[in-house]
Amino acid sequence: MSTGQVQPLVDLQRLVVALRRKRRFWLTTALAGLILGGAVAVFLPAPPTAVTKIMVIHPDDSPTDSGTLMRTDVAVLSTANMAAAALKRINSTESPSDFLKDYAGLGLTNNVMQVTVKAKTKDDAVAKAKALADAFIADHTQRTQAAATGRSKALLQQRDQAQAQLADIDNQAAAEVGKGRNSNAGALEQLYTQRANLVSKIADLQNQAQQAGIGSPEVIAGTQIVDAPAIEPVSKLKAYGTPAGVGLALGLALGLAFAAVTALVRDRPVLRREISQHLGASVIAQVGVKPIGPAKLWRRSKAVTESSRVALTLARAAREDRASLSLLEIGAAATAAELAVELGRSLAEDGPVVLVDDLPGKDVSKLPVEGTVQVVEAGDPAVARAARRVGVGTAAPGTAWTDLSALGAETVLVVRAGFANTQWLHTVARQLADCGVPILGVVLVDPDPTDHTDGTLWDGLHTALRGRAAVVARKQDEVVELELRDETKPIEWPVKPGRRFRPLDRTRPPVDPDAPTRRLKPVQES
């Protein structure tokens, strides 16, 4: 895995894994919301609601009406005057503004309106619904009759104006007739024509005024209560389930939101690739947490198998080099102690093993050990005499970094996923590097089951070989030194046994390369 990749602003995979790891929290908030919603439904039940339906007839009803008239009626019902009229009918001292909040109108069709009224008691709700319906019907018929009376008065005024014009024309015609032979026949004919028109108009206006005065009896007769006020039945499932469901949804949403925000703000790595990258060491094994509750019945054997398998892996790594080994925990003291005991049992096959317990809670000392495995505390004289020792310590905040090298020349970090933040993981890696303690690898505790990211680093020798760079370099130096030693050693030629060598005559002059040489004739075969 390359460390030079550009990191996204929000890692969705990390966020999903963090939310899954926090499922106990947001499931708890969801359960709390469910319980709280149910408690609200029990201790603060919804007030009783009375429902009534009114048939509303309009003088201007039309099959093509889009519901404008009914929306107007609903708006009129929601006025303070209407609320005051209804309260007056039942002699209530409640404020109209408060009563407006307790009822509502709904147009079911162009002529049917449903009125719902809430009150403290059922009888009060029914009485208020009846009073409100009666007040609306009275107001509707009154407005209809007032409109008819207004139209009648307007027609009568037009009739009076026409009668005044008729009297004026009669006077003009009488004056023209009084002239005798000097009267203008054309003017008289015109006056008589106007008079006839006015007489007809006056008769029509009189009839229209009478009709308008009658009003709209079909409106008055048709506008009535068609469904008497009654308490609306509410099922228990709806009464208790709705608030509980709302509480469940709110609790779940708040829990998820809080878990997501804390996962982003706290910056605690949970993925294998993140932990290996920040610690600069590869993940060599992983261990699940101990099962809780009934899960112990079927998951205990799996947990024991995982612990034993990881201990064997660490034992093989420890046998490769005889240097002392340490286990440093970050948020997993109990797991580190168990791994140390299992590791000690595996290494005890090769000889006595001393476990140095330097954990704050002395978790290793609390576990039973068998055979040649001995548990001592840091500073015990047995540590110096031990041929094989395994140190167990902590790399949590407050650690004395200079003491970690005394626990082991090499270390394995036992890290709980999501426990330490990025800054602390960098601190651990830097401090161990300063102390000269190479990291063999990381044992990840409580990993996410769906995390399949690569926890192995391939950027260099120091990470690809699980921290064994110093060991490998030392072995390579030894090989090179042996090769150089072999090259400088004089060559020994094989000789026959018993053969004697003549001593070299150093007084004999050397051969002159320029001296003439004698050529020998080849031997001829006979």
Foldseek 3Di string as FASTA:
>chain_A
DDPPDDDDPDDVVQLVLLLVVCVVQLVVLLVVLLVVLLVCLVPPFFFWKKKFKKFFDDPPDDPPDPQPVVVVLQVVLLDLVLLVQLCVVVVHPDHSVVQSVFKGWDDPDSGMIMIMGGDRDFVVNLSSVVSSLVSSLVVSVVVQLVVLLVVLVVLVVVLVVLVVVLVVLVVVLVVLVVVPPPHDPVVNVVSVVSNVVSVVSSVVSVVSSVVSNVTDVCRSVRTDTPGRMGTDDDDPCCSSVVSSVVSSVVSSVVSSVVSSVCCSVQAFFFFLQLLCVLLVAFAPAEAEDQDDDPVCVPCVVVRVVRLLVVLVVVLVVCVVDQWEEEEAEDPCQLSLLSSQQSNQVVCCVVHAEEEEQAEPVSNNVVDDHDDRYHYDYPPDPVLVVDSYYYYYYYLYPPDPLLCPVVRTLEYEYEYEGRRHHSVSSNVSSVSCVVNNHFFQHYYYYNHRPPRPDGRADDPDDCHNRRNCPVVVVVVVVVVVVVVVVVVPDDDDDDDDPPDDDDDDDPPDDDDDPPDDDDDDDDDDDD
